[in-house]
Amino acid sequence: MLKFKNYLFICIIICSSLFGQKSRDMEKFGFIDLRTDSMSVPFYIDGIFVGKNPLKNPIPVLPGFHLVSYLPPELTKKYIEEDLSDAYKRVYVSPNDTLDVFLFYDHYVRETKTLDAQFMVKRLTAVSLILMAVFLVFQIS
């Protein structure tokens, strides 16, 4: 039985060296090391949740441009249009390189509250303009 375990162990070692991941495979990837100024902040890369701060290891990604943020995908488009520049970053990752990205979360909280208040004012203004137009149409008739 001991011989069988030894042969099995040797077979596993040989198979892992033949079919295992080669170091050159990892050279095809780049890495993003995400950091922020607050704890338990969710991180998204290209709209995909990758974990919360602090992350233990850099995130492997394909080389190229990526959108890094702590906004969920449904809010990213809304705030990109309003230029909430501290909530996201568009970064370029080179092959076999680690890019350090730092996002300011505390500033984001204040900025999103301001933007949400601005959205509310825009909505109320639009509704009041529509109601005034309807009122004028009925006054003219």
C-alpha atoms as a PDB file:
ATOM      1  CA  MET A   1       0.000   0.000   0.000  1.00  0.00           C
ATOM      2  CA  LEU A   2       2.890   2.352   0.769  1.00  0.00           C
ATOM      3  CA  LYS A   3       4.390   1.730  -2.690  1.00  0.00           C
ATOM      4  CA  PHE A   4       1.067   2.627  -4.313  1.00  0.00           C
ATOM      5  CA  LYS A   5       0.938   5.945  -2.406  1.00  0.00           C
ATOM      6  CA  ASN A   6       4.494   6.740  -3.461  1.00  0.00           C
ATOM      7  CA  TYR A   7       3.714   5.984  -7.112  1.00  0.00           C
ATOM      8  CA  LEU A   8       0.539   8.051  -6.901  1.00  0.00           C
ATOM      9  CA  PHE A   9       2.475  10.954  -5.389  1.00  0.00           C
ATOM     10  CA  ILE A  10       5.129  10.776  -8.115  1.00  0.00           C
ATOM     11  CA  CYS A  11       2.405  10.598 -10.784  1.00  0.00           C
ATOM     12  CA  ILE A  12       0.704  13.706  -9.362  1.00  0.00           C
ATOM     13  CA  ILE A  13       3.998  15.616  -9.322  1.00  0.00           C
ATOM     14  CA  ILE A  14       4.754  14.694 -12.938  1.00  0.00           C
ATOM     15  CA  CYS A  15       1.207  15.543 -14.127  1.00  0.00           C
ATOM     16  CA  SER A  16       1.204  18.890 -12.341  1.00  0.00           C
ATOM     17  CA  SER A  17       4.519  19.860 -13.913  1.00  0.00           C
ATOM     18  CA  LEU A  18       3.313  18.793 -17.381  1.00  0.00           C
ATOM     19  CA  PHE A  19      -0.211  20.215 -17.281  1.00  0.00           C
ATOM     20  CA  GLY A  20       0.013  22.907 -14.587  1.00  0.00           C
ATOM     21  CA  GLN A  21      -0.031  26.619 -15.147  1.00  0.00           C
ATOM     22  CA  LYS A  22       3.215  27.888 -16.553  1.00  0.00           C
ATOM     23  CA  SER A  23       4.768  31.152 -15.446  1.00  0.00           C
ATOM     24  CA  ARG A  24       4.566  32.408 -19.025  1.00  0.00           C
ATOM     25  CA  ASP A  25       0.769  32.084 -18.816  1.00  0.00           C
ATOM     26  CA  MET A  26       0.745  34.732 -16.093  1.00  0.00           C
ATOM     27  CA  GLU A  27       2.833  37.033 -18.307  1.00  0.00           C
ATOM     28  CA  LYS A  28      -0.256  37.455 -20.479  1.00  0.00           C
ATOM     29  CA  PHE A  29      -2.089  39.206 -17.621  1.00  0.00           C
ATOM     30  CA  GLY A  30      -1.715  42.529 -15.866  1.00  0.00           C
ATOM     31  CA  PHE A  31      -2.717  43.206 -12.268  1.00  0.00           C
ATOM     32  CA  ILE A  32      -4.644  45.983 -10.556  1.00  0.00           C
ATOM     33  CA  ASP A  33      -3.913  46.644  -6.881  1.00  0.00           C
ATOM     34  CA  LEU A  34      -6.892  48.589  -5.495  1.00  0.00           C
ATOM     35  CA  ARG A  35      -6.756  50.794  -2.393  1.00  0.00           C
ATOM     36  CA  THR A  36      -9.019  53.416  -0.833  1.00  0.00           C
ATOM     37  CA  ASP A  37      -9.215  55.668   2.207  1.00  0.00           C
ATOM     38  CA  SER A  38     -12.104  53.774   3.886  1.00  0.00           C
ATOM     39  CA  MET A  39     -12.736  50.204   5.014  1.00  0.00           C
ATOM     40  CA  SER A  40     -15.285  47.786   3.502  1.00  0.00           C
ATOM     41  CA  VAL A  41     -15.629  49.746   0.270  1.00  0.00           C
ATOM     42  CA  PRO A  42     -16.805  47.550  -2.634  1.00  0.00           C
ATOM     43  CA  PHE A  43     -14.592  47.531  -5.718  1.00  0.00           C
ATOM     44  CA  TYR A  44     -15.727  47.007  -9.311  1.00  0.00           C
ATOM     45  CA  ILE A  45     -13.590  46.437 -12.384  1.00  0.00           C
ATOM     46  CA  ASP A  46     -15.490  46.911 -15.647  1.00  0.00           C
ATOM     47  CA  GLY A  47     -18.739  46.677 -13.677  1.00  0.00           C
ATOM     48  CA  ILE A  48     -17.855  43.342 -12.033  1.00  0.00           C
ATOM     49  CA  PHE A  49     -17.640  43.154  -8.242  1.00  0.00           C
ATOM     50  CA  VAL A  50     -14.139  41.995  -7.227  1.00  0.00           C
ATOM     51  CA  GLY A  51     -14.261  42.388  -3.436  1.00  0.00           C
ATOM     52  CA  LYS A  52     -14.162  44.895  -0.608  1.00  0.00           C
ATOM     53  CA  ASN A  53     -11.294  46.928   0.782  1.00  0.00           C
ATOM     54  CA  PRO A  54      -8.797  45.716   1.896  1.00  0.00           C
ATOM     55  CA  LEU A  55      -8.094  43.233  -0.880  1.00  0.00           C
ATOM     56  CA  LYS A  56      -5.405  40.691  -0.059  1.00  0.00           C
ATOM     57  CA  ASN A  57      -3.989  40.300  -3.574  1.00  0.00           C
ATOM     58  CA  PRO A  58      -3.945  42.336  -6.785  1.00  0.00           C
ATOM     59  CA  ILE A  59      -6.695  41.451  -9.265  1.00  0.00           C
ATOM     60  CA  PRO A  60      -5.515  39.782 -12.520  1.00  0.00           C
ATOM     61  CA  VAL A  61      -6.964  41.391 -15.661  1.00  0.00           C
ATOM     62  CA  LEU A  62      -6.314  41.240 -19.372  1.00  0.00           C
ATOM     63  CA  PRO A  63      -4.005  43.980 -20.658  1.00  0.00           C
ATOM     64  CA  GLY A  64      -5.810  47.081 -21.892  1.00  0.00           C
ATOM     65  CA  PHE A  65      -8.160  49.772 -20.630  1.00  0.00           C
ATOM     66  CA  HIS A  66     -10.380  49.078 -17.622  1.00  0.00           C
ATOM     67  CA  LEU A  67     -12.920  51.079 -15.628  1.00  0.00           C
ATOM     68  CA  VAL A  68     -12.156  50.809 -11.904  1.00  0.00           C
ATOM     69  CA  SER A  69     -14.711  52.166  -9.424  1.00  0.00           C
ATOM     70  CA  TYR A  70     -16.589  51.583  -6.220  1.00  0.00           C
ATOM     71  CA  LEU A  71     -19.915  52.285  -7.867  1.00  0.00           C
ATOM     72  CA  PRO A  72     -22.153  49.419  -8.952  1.00  0.00           C
ATOM     73  CA  PRO A  73     -22.643  49.184 -12.736  1.00  0.00           C
ATOM     74  CA  GLU A  74     -26.151  50.715 -12.640  1.00  0.00           C
ATOM     75  CA  LEU A  75     -24.806  53.888 -10.980  1.00  0.00           C
ATOM     76  CA  THR A  76     -21.532  54.136 -12.901  1.00  0.00           C
ATOM     77  CA  LYS A  77     -23.160  55.404 -16.106  1.00  0.00           C
ATOM     78  CA  LYS A  78     -25.276  57.939 -14.203  1.00  0.00           C
ATOM     79  CA  TYR A  79     -22.297  59.431 -12.387  1.00  0.00           C
ATOM     80  CA  ILE A  80     -19.921  59.250 -15.346  1.00  0.00           C
ATOM     81  CA  GLU A  81     -22.329  61.505 -17.220  1.00  0.00           C
ATOM     82  CA  GLU A  82     -22.192  63.960 -14.315  1.00  0.00           C
ATOM     83  CA  ASP A  83     -18.373  63.683 -14.122  1.00  0.00           C
ATOM     84  CA  LEU A  84     -17.960  62.217 -10.650  1.00  0.00           C
ATOM     85  CA  SER A  85     -14.269  61.818 -11.303  1.00  0.00           C
ATOM     86  CA  ASP A  86     -13.189  60.548  -7.883  1.00  0.00           C
ATOM     87  CA  ALA A  87     -15.585  57.584  -7.922  1.00  0.00           C
ATOM     88  CA  TYR A  88     -14.038  55.872 -10.917  1.00  0.00           C
ATOM     89  CA  LYS A  89     -10.850  55.775 -12.926  1.00  0.00           C
ATOM     90  CA  ARG A  90     -10.194  54.582 -16.439  1.00  0.00           C
ATOM     91  CA  VAL A  91      -6.798  52.897 -16.320  1.00  0.00           C
ATOM     92  CA  TYR A  92      -4.499  51.104 -18.732  1.00  0.00           C
ATOM     93  CA  VAL A  93      -2.911  47.865 -17.536  1.00  0.00           C
ATOM     94  CA  SER A  94       0.220  46.579 -19.275  1.00  0.00           C
ATOM     95  CA  PRO A  95       0.982  42.868 -19.619  1.00  0.00           C
ATOM     96  CA  ASN A  96       2.966  41.422 -16.708  1.00  0.00           C
ATOM     97  CA  ASP A  97       2.675  44.671 -14.709  1.00  0.00           C
ATOM     98  CA  THR A  98       0.899  45.680 -11.498  1.00  0.00           C
ATOM     99  CA  LEU A  99      -0.923  49.001 -11.495  1.00  0.00           C
ATOM    100  CA  ASP A 100      -1.639  50.648  -8.124  1.00  0.00           C
ATOM    101  CA  VAL A 101      -5.001  52.457  -8.085  1.00  0.00           C
ATOM    102  CA  PHE A 102      -6.187  54.615  -5.182  1.00  0.00           C
ATOM    103  CA  LEU A 103      -9.808  55.801  -5.051  1.00  0.00           C
ATOM    104  CA  PHE A 104     -10.972  58.503  -2.623  1.00  0.00           C
ATOM    105  CA  TYR A 105     -14.159  57.201  -1.017  1.00  0.00           C
ATOM    106  CA  ASP A 106     -14.821  59.871   1.621  1.00  0.00           C
ATOM    107  CA  HIS A 107     -14.932  62.584  -1.031  1.00  0.00           C
ATOM    108  CA  TYR A 108     -17.240  60.379  -3.109  1.00  0.00           C
ATOM    109  CA  VAL A 109     -19.859  60.236  -0.342  1.00  0.00           C
ATOM    110  CA  ARG A 110     -20.048  64.022  -0.151  1.00  0.00           C
ATOM    111  CA  GLU A 111     -20.044  64.375  -3.928  1.00  0.00           C
ATOM    112  CA  THR A 112     -22.818  61.822  -4.487  1.00  0.00           C
ATOM    113  CA  LYS A 113     -25.048  63.550  -1.924  1.00  0.00           C
ATOM    114  CA  THR A 114     -24.553  66.801  -3.814  1.00  0.00           C
ATOM    115  CA  LEU A 115     -25.270  65.118  -7.161  1.00  0.00           C
ATOM    116  CA  ASP A 116     -28.382  63.410  -5.803  1.00  0.00           C
ATOM    117  CA  ALA A 117     -29.664  66.789  -4.564  1.00  0.00           C
ATOM    118  CA  GLN A 118     -28.966  68.258  -8.019  1.00  0.00           C
ATOM    119  CA  PHE A 119     -30.883  65.389  -9.684  1.00  0.00           C
ATOM    120  CA  MET A 120     -33.847  66.056  -7.392  1.00  0.00           C
ATOM    121  CA  VAL A 121     -33.825  69.774  -8.271  1.00  0.00           C
ATOM    122  CA  LYS A 122     -33.678  68.900 -11.984  1.00  0.00           C
ATOM    123  CA  ARG A 123     -36.644  66.527 -11.645  1.00  0.00           C
ATOM    124  CA  LEU A 124     -38.710  69.035  -9.667  1.00  0.00           C
ATOM    125  CA  THR A 125     -37.921  71.777 -12.185  1.00  0.00           C
ATOM    126  CA  ALA A 126     -38.937  69.557 -15.094  1.00  0.00           C
ATOM    127  CA  VAL A 127     -42.197  68.533 -13.409  1.00  0.00           C
ATOM    128  CA  SER A 128     -43.060  72.136 -12.522  1.00  0.00           C
ATOM    129  CA  LEU A 129     -42.366  73.280 -16.111  1.00  0.00           C
ATOM    130  CA  ILE A 130     -44.610  70.541 -17.491  1.00  0.00           C
ATOM    131  CA  LEU A 131     -47.385  71.414 -15.030  1.00  0.00           C
ATOM    132  CA  MET A 132     -47.118  75.113 -15.933  1.00  0.00           C
ATOM    133  CA  ALA A 133     -47.309  74.259 -19.644  1.00  0.00           C
ATOM    134  CA  VAL A 134     -50.407  72.128 -19.083  1.00  0.00           C
ATOM    135  CA  PHE A 135     -51.979  74.890 -16.987  1.00  0.00           C
ATOM    136  CA  LEU A 136     -51.299  77.484 -19.718  1.00  0.00           C
ATOM    137  CA  VAL A 137     -52.738  75.227 -22.424  1.00  0.00           C
ATOM    138  CA  PHE A 138     -55.985  74.870 -20.443  1.00  0.00           C
ATOM    139  CA  GLN A 139     -56.088  78.638 -19.718  1.00  0.00           C
ATOM    140  CA  ILE A 140     -55.814  79.462 -23.415  1.00  0.00           C
ATOM    141  CA  SER A 141     -58.579  77.019 -24.427  1.00  0.00           C
END
